[in-house]
Amino acid sequence: MADKKESDKVEESGCEIFVPDMFASEVEEEVKVYPFSSQDSTFTVSICCVHEENQFIEQFVSRVVWPSSEALSSFFCDKPHLVNGKKIVELGSGTGLCALVTAKLNADSVLLTDYSADAIDVISNSIGRNQLSNVCSVSSLRWGDDADSQRILGEFGGSFDLCIGTDVVYEPESVEPMFHSAFDLLKPSGRFYLANHIHRYAALEESVQACATKMGLVEEKMEDIGEGIFFSVFSRVSS
């Protein structure tokens, strides 16, 4: 892919904004197989994706396997009891790697969500490629949209035990809607696992913390799961 000039990128509040899709014709998809192992099993997840160098082309945002997705997947493999038998929803799934790993780790059910039609197609491809349609489902979700959240709760049997999000914090205006949806979809005892690379997250960390507090969530900063990965778990404040 041709190198992008610095002028092709725009900085806003410390976050890089996606460049136009002018380079899309030069991008080729590839199938990558990710190996994982847990206490009880060894397995692979196959993903059709594009190389991470294309992460700033808006058309391919949902087709990149982000670093935090790999890192959180490995974290769950080390602690499979966290997802075993759980009902899980993923926000901004993209290729769906982390959600598919939880399905392989014996989650009871996994709902992968994103907004654009293209992203929904990518997710559906990932589910089918890994033969996980018996555990995984896909749905569109506009963050912060109460009607969308209520529709999902109605269609998929109520609230979720866990919500996961990987490298989904990159635009200031999306932070509060993201937490709003996570709060609406989780059971009172549910937990929101959020992992993001420092490159996108550092400038928005204070905003994340403020929004979590506003929603009545308490943050637990977790162990290091990868170089430059910020990882926290949010839950409701105990009454």
Protein backbone atom coordinates (compact mmCIF):
# COMPACT_ATOMS: atom_id res chain seq x y z
CA MET A 1 0.00 0.00 0.00
CA ALA A 2 1.26 3.50 -0.79
CA ASP A 3 2.61 5.51 2.11
CA LYS A 4 0.25 8.16 3.42
CA LYS A 5 1.53 11.69 3.89
CA GLU A 6 1.26 13.24 7.31
CA SER A 7 -1.08 15.80 5.77
CA ASP A 8 -3.51 12.97 5.00
CA LYS A 9 -4.09 12.58 8.73
CA VAL A 10 -5.95 15.06 10.93
CA GLU A 11 -5.34 15.31 14.66
CA GLU A 12 -8.33 16.16 16.86
CA SER A 13 -8.16 16.01 20.66
CA GLY A 14 -5.08 13.81 20.36
CA CYS A 15 -6.88 11.25 18.16
CA GLU A 16 -6.17 10.48 14.54
CA ILE A 17 -9.17 10.79 12.25
CA PHE A 18 -9.56 8.28 9.43
CA VAL A 19 -8.39 9.31 5.98
CA PRO A 20 -10.68 9.06 2.93
CA ASP A 21 -10.94 5.73 1.13
CA MET A 22 -8.68 6.90 -1.73
CA PHE A 23 -6.27 3.99 -1.14
CA ALA A 24 -8.92 1.26 -0.94
CA SER A 25 -8.21 -0.20 -4.39
CA GLU A 26 -4.64 -1.00 -3.31
CA VAL A 27 -5.68 -3.10 -0.29
CA GLU A 28 -5.89 -6.89 -0.42
CA GLU A 29 -7.68 -9.10 2.07
CA GLU A 30 -5.95 -12.08 3.62
CA VAL A 31 -7.03 -15.01 5.75
CA LYS A 32 -5.11 -15.27 9.01
CA VAL A 33 -5.30 -18.18 11.42
CA TYR A 34 -4.78 -17.29 15.07
CA PRO A 35 -3.72 -20.12 17.41
CA PHE A 36 -4.81 -20.11 21.05
CA SER A 37 -4.50 -22.46 23.98
CA SER A 38 -6.29 -22.59 27.32
CA GLN A 39 -6.10 -24.90 30.29
CA ASP A 40 -8.30 -27.48 28.61
CA SER A 41 -7.91 -27.02 24.87
CA THR A 42 -5.94 -25.78 21.90
CA PHE A 43 -7.82 -24.19 19.03
CA THR A 44 -7.57 -21.73 16.15
CA VAL A 45 -9.72 -18.86 14.93
CA SER A 46 -9.69 -18.04 11.21
CA ILE A 47 -10.22 -14.40 10.24
CA CYS A 48 -10.51 -12.71 6.84
CA CYS A 49 -8.89 -9.32 7.38
CA VAL A 50 -6.60 -6.62 6.01
CA HIS A 51 -3.15 -5.68 7.30
CA GLU A 52 -3.07 -3.26 10.22
CA GLU A 53 -1.24 -0.67 8.11
CA ASN A 54 -4.67 0.05 6.60
CA GLN A 55 -6.20 1.05 9.94
CA PHE A 56 -6.57 4.71 8.96
CA ILE A 57 -8.63 3.97 5.85
CA GLU A 58 -12.22 4.25 7.05
CA GLN A 59 -13.52 1.53 4.75
CA PHE A 60 -11.28 -1.05 6.39
CA VAL A 61 -11.64 -0.18 10.07
CA SER A 62 -13.86 -3.21 10.65
CA ARG A 63 -11.49 -5.48 8.73
CA VAL A 64 -8.37 -4.92 10.85
CA VAL A 65 -7.54 -7.28 13.72
CA TRP A 66 -6.61 -4.80 16.42
CA PRO A 67 -3.82 -5.47 18.98
CA SER A 68 -6.15 -5.28 21.96
CA SER A 69 -8.40 -7.93 20.45
CA GLU A 70 -5.52 -10.39 20.36
CA ALA A 71 -4.41 -9.39 23.86
CA LEU A 72 -7.85 -9.73 25.46
CA SER A 73 -8.36 -13.04 23.65
CA SER A 74 -5.19 -14.39 25.25
CA PHE A 75 -6.30 -13.04 28.64
CA PHE A 76 -9.55 -15.01 28.45
CA CYS A 77 -7.63 -18.12 27.36
CA ASP A 78 -5.59 -17.82 30.55
CA LYS A 79 -8.78 -17.35 32.60
CA PRO A 80 -11.47 -19.33 30.75
CA HIS A 81 -13.70 -19.48 33.83
CA LEU A 82 -14.51 -15.81 33.24
CA VAL A 83 -16.44 -16.64 30.06
CA ASN A 84 -17.41 -20.31 30.49
CA GLY A 85 -21.21 -20.55 30.49
CA LYS A 86 -21.65 -16.78 30.21
CA LYS A 87 -23.94 -14.77 27.96
CA ILE A 88 -21.67 -12.25 26.20
CA VAL A 89 -22.12 -9.20 23.99
CA GLU A 90 -19.30 -7.50 22.10
CA LEU A 91 -19.41 -3.84 21.09
CA GLY A 92 -17.78 -2.74 17.85
CA SER A 93 -16.85 -6.31 16.96
CA GLY A 94 -15.12 -5.65 13.64
CA THR A 95 -13.64 -9.00 12.63
CA GLY A 96 -14.95 -10.47 15.89
CA LEU A 97 -11.75 -12.22 16.99
CA CYS A 98 -12.18 -11.77 20.74
CA ALA A 99 -15.86 -12.70 20.74
CA LEU A 100 -15.15 -15.83 18.70
CA VAL A 101 -12.46 -16.83 21.19
CA THR A 102 -14.98 -16.60 24.04
CA ALA A 103 -17.30 -18.85 22.03
CA LYS A 104 -14.48 -21.38 21.66
CA LEU A 105 -13.99 -21.15 25.44
CA ASN A 106 -17.52 -22.43 26.02
CA ALA A 107 -19.47 -19.23 26.47
CA ASP A 108 -23.18 -20.04 26.55
CA SER A 109 -23.99 -17.49 23.84
CA VAL A 110 -22.14 -14.63 22.17
CA LEU A 111 -23.69 -11.66 20.36
CA LEU A 112 -21.35 -9.71 18.09
CA THR A 113 -22.46 -6.17 17.25
CA ASP A 114 -21.39 -3.29 15.04
CA TYR A 115 -23.12 -0.49 13.19
CA SER A 116 -22.31 -0.46 9.49
CA ALA A 117 -23.68 -2.99 7.02
CA ASP A 118 -20.12 -3.74 5.89
CA ALA A 119 -19.10 -4.56 9.46
CA ILE A 120 -22.10 -6.86 9.87
CA ASP A 121 -21.01 -8.70 6.72
CA VAL A 122 -17.47 -9.08 8.12
CA ILE A 123 -18.82 -10.48 11.39
CA SER A 124 -21.13 -12.91 9.62
CA ASN A 125 -18.20 -14.11 7.54
CA SER A 126 -16.12 -14.67 10.68
CA ILE A 127 -18.88 -16.64 12.41
CA GLY A 128 -19.46 -18.85 9.38
CA ARG A 129 -15.76 -19.34 8.68
CA ASN A 130 -15.31 -20.71 12.21
CA GLN A 131 -18.54 -22.74 12.25
CA LEU A 132 -19.81 -21.02 15.38
CA SER A 133 -23.36 -20.17 14.35
CA ASN A 134 -24.66 -22.47 17.08
CA VAL A 135 -23.16 -20.15 19.72
CA CYS A 136 -22.71 -16.78 18.00
CA SER A 137 -25.22 -14.29 16.60
CA VAL A 138 -24.81 -10.89 14.98
CA SER A 139 -26.82 -7.69 15.24
CA SER A 140 -26.47 -4.05 14.30
CA LEU A 141 -26.17 -1.65 17.23
CA ARG A 142 -25.98 2.13 17.28
CA TRP A 143 -24.26 3.09 20.54
CA GLY A 144 -26.39 5.21 22.83
CA ASP A 145 -29.59 4.34 20.99
CA ASP A 146 -32.12 3.18 23.61
CA ALA A 147 -34.40 1.65 20.99
CA ASP A 148 -31.54 -0.43 19.58
CA SER A 149 -30.60 -1.68 23.05
CA GLN A 150 -34.19 -2.58 23.87
CA ARG A 151 -34.54 -4.38 20.54
CA ILE A 152 -31.46 -6.47 21.29
CA LEU A 153 -32.67 -7.30 24.80
CA GLY A 154 -35.98 -8.44 23.33
CA GLU A 155 -34.50 -10.46 20.48
CA PHE A 156 -31.74 -12.14 22.47
CA GLY A 157 -33.43 -13.05 25.73
CA GLY A 158 -32.59 -10.23 28.07
CA SER A 159 -29.44 -8.83 29.66
CA PHE A 160 -25.88 -10.07 29.32
CA ASP A 161 -23.32 -11.30 31.86
CA LEU A 162 -20.35 -9.73 30.11
CA CYS A 163 -19.75 -6.95 27.62
CA ILE A 164 -16.41 -6.73 25.80
CA GLY A 165 -14.83 -4.01 23.70
CA THR A 166 -11.38 -3.93 22.12
CA ASP A 167 -9.82 -0.84 20.53
CA VAL A 168 -13.22 0.81 20.35
CA VAL A 169 -12.18 4.05 22.09
CA TYR A 170 -10.80 6.42 19.46
CA GLU A 171 -13.29 9.28 19.01
CA PRO A 172 -14.27 11.60 21.89
CA GLU A 173 -17.93 11.75 20.87
CA SER A 174 -18.29 7.95 20.96
CA VAL A 175 -17.21 7.38 24.56
CA GLU A 176 -20.45 8.24 26.37
CA PRO A 177 -22.73 6.43 23.88
CA MET A 178 -20.51 3.34 24.21
CA PHE A 179 -20.89 3.28 27.99
CA HIS A 180 -24.61 3.97 27.67
CA SER A 181 -25.08 0.86 25.53
CA ALA A 182 -22.87 -1.29 27.77
CA PHE A 183 -24.86 -0.18 30.82
CA ASP A 184 -28.20 -0.87 29.13
CA LEU A 185 -27.22 -4.35 27.93
CA LEU A 186 -25.57 -5.68 31.09
CA LYS A 187 -27.19 -7.41 34.03
CA PRO A 188 -26.85 -5.53 37.34
CA SER A 189 -24.05 -7.94 38.20
CA GLY A 190 -22.50 -7.72 34.72
CA ARG A 191 -18.99 -6.58 33.85
CA PHE A 192 -17.62 -4.57 30.93
CA TYR A 193 -14.14 -5.64 29.76
CA LEU A 194 -12.51 -2.78 27.85
CA ALA A 195 -9.04 -2.99 26.28
CA ASN A 196 -7.46 -0.32 24.08
CA HIS A 197 -4.03 0.45 22.69
CA ILE A 198 -2.31 3.52 24.14
CA HIS A 199 -2.01 5.06 20.66
CA ARG A 200 -5.77 5.61 20.55
CA TYR A 201 -6.70 5.59 24.23
CA ALA A 202 -4.27 7.83 26.11
CA ALA A 203 -5.86 11.14 25.12
CA LEU A 204 -9.33 9.85 26.03
CA GLU A 205 -8.62 8.08 29.32
CA GLU A 206 -10.01 10.93 31.44
CA SER A 207 -13.15 11.05 29.31
CA VAL A 208 -13.60 7.28 29.75
CA GLN A 209 -13.27 7.58 33.51
CA ALA A 210 -15.68 10.53 33.69
CA CYS A 211 -18.31 8.75 31.58
CA ALA A 212 -17.99 5.57 33.63
CA THR A 213 -18.54 7.53 36.84
CA LYS A 214 -21.52 9.31 35.32
CA MET A 215 -23.08 5.94 34.42
CA GLY A 216 -22.57 4.63 37.95
CA LEU A 217 -19.74 2.27 37.02
CA VAL A 218 -16.58 1.64 38.97
CA GLU A 219 -13.30 0.94 37.17
CA GLU A 220 -10.87 -1.81 38.08
CA LYS A 221 -7.56 -1.41 36.27
CA MET A 222 -6.25 -4.82 35.38
CA GLU A 223 -2.90 -6.48 34.89
CA ASP A 224 -0.69 -5.87 31.88
CA ILE A 225 -2.01 -7.95 28.97
CA GLY A 226 0.24 -6.56 26.26
CA GLU A 227 2.67 -3.78 25.48
CA GLY A 228 0.87 -0.46 25.36
CA ILE A 229 -2.55 -1.96 26.14
CA PHE A 230 -4.81 -0.20 28.65
CA PHE A 231 -7.15 -2.77 30.19
CA SER A 232 -9.95 -2.11 32.69
CA VAL A 233 -13.08 -3.86 33.90
CA PHE A 234 -16.14 -1.78 34.75
CA SER A 235 -19.01 -2.84 36.97
CA ARG A 236 -21.90 -1.17 38.72
CA VAL A 237 -21.19 0.54 42.02
CA SER A 238 -22.36 -1.72 44.85
CA SER A 239 -25.44 -0.37 46.58
